[in-house]
């Protein structure tokens, strides 16, 4: 069951870095703080090799590619003006 935690007396430099990281990752300060805590306190949540293997399984399940890397790049650029 999730619970709440209030942090007090956070050093200005820590707050500014957390705020910048949250903006970079498009998260709230709360969500970014949780991600930071999880990465330190629960580092074995999933090994990189396991995540990579799962990603490869998912990709293989999609079948043959119907678009190229150039198609993806074009689609990304289409929304930017």
N, C-alpha and C. Protein backbone atom coordinates (compact mmCIF):
# COMPACT_ATOMS: atom_id res chain seq x y z
N UNK A 1 0.84 -1.18 0.00
CA UNK A 1 0.00 0.00 0.00
C UNK A 1 0.89 1.24 0.00
N UNK A 2 0.74 2.12 -0.98
CA UNK A 2 1.55 3.35 -1.03
C UNK A 2 1.28 4.22 0.20
N UNK A 3 2.28 4.95 0.57
CA UNK A 3 2.15 5.87 1.69
C UNK A 3 2.78 7.21 1.30
N UNK A 4 2.60 8.20 2.11
CA UNK A 4 3.12 9.54 1.82
C UNK A 4 4.35 9.83 2.66
N UNK A 5 5.18 10.70 2.16
CA UNK A 5 6.40 11.12 2.84
C UNK A 5 6.59 12.60 2.56
N UNK A 6 6.85 13.36 3.60
CA UNK A 6 7.15 14.78 3.44
C UNK A 6 8.62 14.99 3.71
N UNK A 7 9.30 15.67 2.79
CA UNK A 7 10.72 15.97 2.96
C UNK A 7 10.87 17.43 3.34
N UNK A 8 11.70 17.68 4.34
CA UNK A 8 11.94 19.05 4.79
C UNK A 8 13.43 19.36 4.72
N UNK A 9 13.73 20.62 4.60
CA UNK A 9 15.11 21.11 4.62
C UNK A 9 15.97 20.50 3.51
N UNK A 10 15.39 20.37 2.34
CA UNK A 10 16.13 19.86 1.18
C UNK A 10 17.11 20.96 0.75
N UNK A 11 18.38 20.63 0.61
CA UNK A 11 19.35 21.65 0.15
C UNK A 11 18.94 22.20 -1.21
N UNK A 12 19.17 23.48 -1.39
CA UNK A 12 18.78 24.14 -2.64
C UNK A 12 19.35 23.45 -3.87
N UNK A 13 20.60 23.04 -3.79
CA UNK A 13 21.24 22.40 -4.95
C UNK A 13 20.56 21.07 -5.29
N UNK A 14 20.18 20.32 -4.27
CA UNK A 14 19.49 19.04 -4.50
C UNK A 14 18.12 19.30 -5.11
N UNK A 15 17.41 20.28 -4.57
CA UNK A 15 16.09 20.62 -5.10
C UNK A 15 16.17 21.04 -6.57
N UNK A 16 17.13 21.88 -6.89
CA UNK A 16 17.27 22.36 -8.27
C UNK A 16 17.60 21.22 -9.23
N UNK A 17 18.46 20.30 -8.80
CA UNK A 17 18.80 19.15 -9.67
C UNK A 17 17.59 18.24 -9.84
N UNK A 18 16.82 18.02 -8.77
CA UNK A 18 15.62 17.20 -8.86
C UNK A 18 14.60 17.86 -9.79
N UNK A 19 14.44 19.15 -9.66
CA UNK A 19 13.51 19.90 -10.50
C UNK A 19 13.92 19.82 -11.98
N UNK A 20 15.22 19.98 -12.24
CA UNK A 20 15.71 19.89 -13.62
C UNK A 20 15.53 18.49 -14.18
N UNK A 21 15.81 17.48 -13.37
CA UNK A 21 15.65 16.09 -13.82
C UNK A 21 14.18 15.79 -14.10
N UNK A 22 13.29 16.28 -13.25
CA UNK A 22 11.86 16.07 -13.45
C UNK A 22 11.41 16.70 -14.77
N UNK A 23 11.87 17.91 -15.03
CA UNK A 23 11.51 18.57 -16.29
C UNK A 23 12.05 17.81 -17.49
N UNK A 24 13.29 17.35 -17.38
CA UNK A 24 13.91 16.61 -18.47
C UNK A 24 13.15 15.32 -18.78
N UNK A 25 12.70 14.64 -17.74
CA UNK A 25 11.99 13.37 -17.91
C UNK A 25 10.47 13.54 -17.99
N UNK A 26 10.01 14.80 -17.99
CA UNK A 26 8.59 15.12 -18.06
C UNK A 26 7.80 14.44 -16.94
N UNK A 27 8.33 14.56 -15.74
CA UNK A 27 7.69 14.00 -14.55
C UNK A 27 7.44 15.12 -13.55
N UNK A 28 6.56 14.84 -12.61
CA UNK A 28 6.38 15.76 -11.48
C UNK A 28 7.58 15.60 -10.55
N UNK A 29 7.76 16.56 -9.66
CA UNK A 29 8.83 16.44 -8.67
C UNK A 29 8.63 15.18 -7.84
N UNK A 30 7.40 14.89 -7.47
CA UNK A 30 7.11 13.71 -6.68
C UNK A 30 7.51 12.44 -7.41
N UNK A 31 7.11 12.32 -8.68
CA UNK A 31 7.44 11.13 -9.46
C UNK A 31 8.94 10.99 -9.65
N UNK A 32 9.61 12.09 -9.89
CA UNK A 32 11.06 12.04 -10.08
C UNK A 32 11.75 11.61 -8.78
N UNK A 33 11.28 12.11 -7.65
CA UNK A 33 11.86 11.72 -6.36
C UNK A 33 11.68 10.23 -6.12
N UNK A 34 10.51 9.69 -6.47
CA UNK A 34 10.26 8.26 -6.30
C UNK A 34 11.18 7.45 -7.19
N UNK A 35 11.34 7.86 -8.44
CA UNK A 35 12.24 7.15 -9.36
C UNK A 35 13.67 7.16 -8.82
N UNK A 36 14.11 8.31 -8.32
CA UNK A 36 15.46 8.42 -7.77
C UNK A 36 15.63 7.50 -6.57
N UNK A 37 14.66 7.49 -5.68
CA UNK A 37 14.74 6.62 -4.50
C UNK A 37 14.73 5.15 -4.90
N UNK A 38 13.88 4.79 -5.85
CA UNK A 38 13.82 3.40 -6.30
C UNK A 38 15.14 2.97 -6.92
N UNK A 39 15.76 3.85 -7.69
CA UNK A 39 17.01 3.47 -8.35
C UNK A 39 18.14 3.22 -7.35
N UNK A 40 18.08 3.90 -6.22
CA UNK A 40 19.10 3.71 -5.20
C UNK A 40 18.75 2.57 -4.25
N UNK A 41 17.49 2.50 -3.85
CA UNK A 41 17.10 1.52 -2.84
C UNK A 41 16.67 0.18 -3.40
N UNK A 42 16.29 0.15 -4.67
CA UNK A 42 15.86 -1.09 -5.31
C UNK A 42 16.62 -1.30 -6.62
N UNK A 43 17.96 -1.29 -6.57
CA UNK A 43 18.74 -1.33 -7.81
C UNK A 43 18.61 -2.64 -8.59
N UNK A 44 18.22 -3.72 -7.94
CA UNK A 44 18.13 -5.01 -8.62
C UNK A 44 16.74 -5.31 -9.11
N UNK A 45 15.98 -4.28 -9.34
CA UNK A 45 14.60 -4.44 -9.79
C UNK A 45 14.53 -5.16 -11.12
N UNK A 46 15.51 -5.05 -11.90
CA UNK A 46 15.56 -5.72 -13.18
C UNK A 46 16.91 -5.47 -13.83
N UNK A 47 17.65 -6.52 -14.05
CA UNK A 47 18.96 -6.36 -14.67
C UNK A 47 18.80 -5.89 -16.11
N UNK A 48 19.76 -5.12 -16.56
CA UNK A 48 19.71 -4.59 -17.93
C UNK A 48 19.63 -5.72 -18.95
N UNK A 49 20.37 -6.79 -18.72
CA UNK A 49 20.34 -7.92 -19.64
C UNK A 49 18.96 -8.55 -19.74
N UNK A 50 18.26 -8.61 -18.61
CA UNK A 50 16.90 -9.16 -18.61
C UNK A 50 15.95 -8.26 -19.39
N UNK A 51 16.10 -6.95 -19.21
CA UNK A 51 15.24 -6.01 -19.95
C UNK A 51 15.52 -6.08 -21.45
N UNK A 52 16.80 -6.20 -21.79
CA UNK A 52 17.17 -6.30 -23.20
C UNK A 52 16.61 -7.58 -23.82
N UNK A 53 16.71 -8.69 -23.10
CA UNK A 53 16.17 -9.95 -23.60
C UNK A 53 14.67 -9.85 -23.81
N UNK A 54 13.98 -9.22 -22.87
CA UNK A 54 12.52 -9.05 -23.00
C UNK A 54 12.18 -8.16 -24.20
N UNK A 55 12.95 -7.10 -24.39
CA UNK A 55 12.71 -6.21 -25.53
C UNK A 55 12.90 -6.96 -26.85
N UNK A 56 13.92 -7.81 -26.90
CA UNK A 56 14.15 -8.59 -28.12
C UNK A 56 13.02 -9.58 -28.36
N UNK A 57 12.49 -10.18 -27.30
CA UNK A 57 11.35 -11.10 -27.44
C UNK A 57 10.14 -10.37 -27.99
N UNK A 58 9.89 -9.20 -27.45
CA UNK A 58 8.74 -8.41 -27.92
C UNK A 58 8.91 -8.01 -29.38
N UNK A 59 10.12 -7.60 -29.73
CA UNK A 59 10.38 -7.20 -31.11
C UNK A 59 10.19 -8.38 -32.06
N UNK A 60 10.67 -9.56 -31.67
CA UNK A 60 10.54 -10.75 -32.50
C UNK A 60 9.07 -11.13 -32.67
N UNK A 61 8.27 -10.88 -31.66
CA UNK A 61 6.84 -11.24 -31.74
C UNK A 61 6.07 -10.35 -32.71
N UNK A 62 6.65 -9.23 -33.12
CA UNK A 62 5.97 -8.32 -34.04
C UNK A 62 6.01 -8.80 -35.49
N UNK A 63 6.87 -9.74 -35.78
CA UNK A 63 6.99 -10.22 -37.15
C UNK A 63 7.88 -9.32 -37.97
N UNK A 64 7.82 -9.46 -39.29
CA UNK A 64 8.70 -8.65 -40.15
C UNK A 64 8.39 -7.16 -40.03
N UNK A 65 9.45 -6.37 -40.12
CA UNK A 65 9.28 -4.92 -40.03
C UNK A 65 8.51 -4.39 -41.22
N UNK A 66 7.62 -3.47 -40.95
CA UNK A 66 6.83 -2.87 -42.02
C UNK A 66 7.26 -1.43 -42.28
N UNK A 67 8.27 -0.97 -41.54
CA UNK A 67 8.78 0.38 -41.74
C UNK A 67 10.27 0.38 -41.45
N UNK A 68 10.96 1.36 -41.98
CA UNK A 68 12.42 1.44 -41.82
C UNK A 68 12.79 2.49 -40.78
N UNK A 69 14.05 2.53 -40.44
CA UNK A 69 14.54 3.55 -39.52
C UNK A 69 14.32 4.94 -40.12
N UNK A 70 14.44 5.05 -41.43
CA UNK A 70 14.21 6.34 -42.08
C UNK A 70 12.74 6.76 -41.94
N UNK A 71 11.83 5.78 -42.01
CA UNK A 71 10.41 6.07 -41.81
C UNK A 71 10.16 6.62 -40.41
N UNK A 72 10.82 6.02 -39.42
CA UNK A 72 10.66 6.46 -38.03
C UNK A 72 11.20 7.86 -37.87
N UNK A 73 12.40 8.13 -38.42
CA UNK A 73 12.98 9.47 -38.32
C UNK A 73 12.09 10.50 -38.99
N UNK A 74 11.53 10.17 -40.14
CA UNK A 74 10.64 11.10 -40.85
C UNK A 74 9.40 11.38 -40.00
N UNK A 75 8.85 10.36 -39.37
CA UNK A 75 7.67 10.53 -38.54
C UNK A 75 7.97 11.42 -37.33
N UNK A 76 9.15 11.25 -36.75
CA UNK A 76 9.54 12.10 -35.61
C UNK A 76 9.67 13.55 -36.04
N UNK A 77 10.27 13.77 -37.20
CA UNK A 77 10.48 15.13 -37.67
C UNK A 77 9.19 15.78 -38.15
N UNK A 78 8.21 14.99 -38.55
CA UNK A 78 6.96 15.54 -39.09
C UNK A 78 6.24 16.44 -38.10
N UNK A 79 6.32 16.13 -36.82
CA UNK A 79 5.63 16.93 -35.82
C UNK A 79 6.42 18.14 -35.35
N UNK A 80 7.64 18.29 -35.81
CA UNK A 80 8.49 19.39 -35.39
C UNK A 80 8.52 20.47 -36.46
N UNK A 81 8.25 21.65 -36.07
CA UNK A 81 8.28 22.75 -37.06
C UNK A 81 8.85 23.98 -36.46
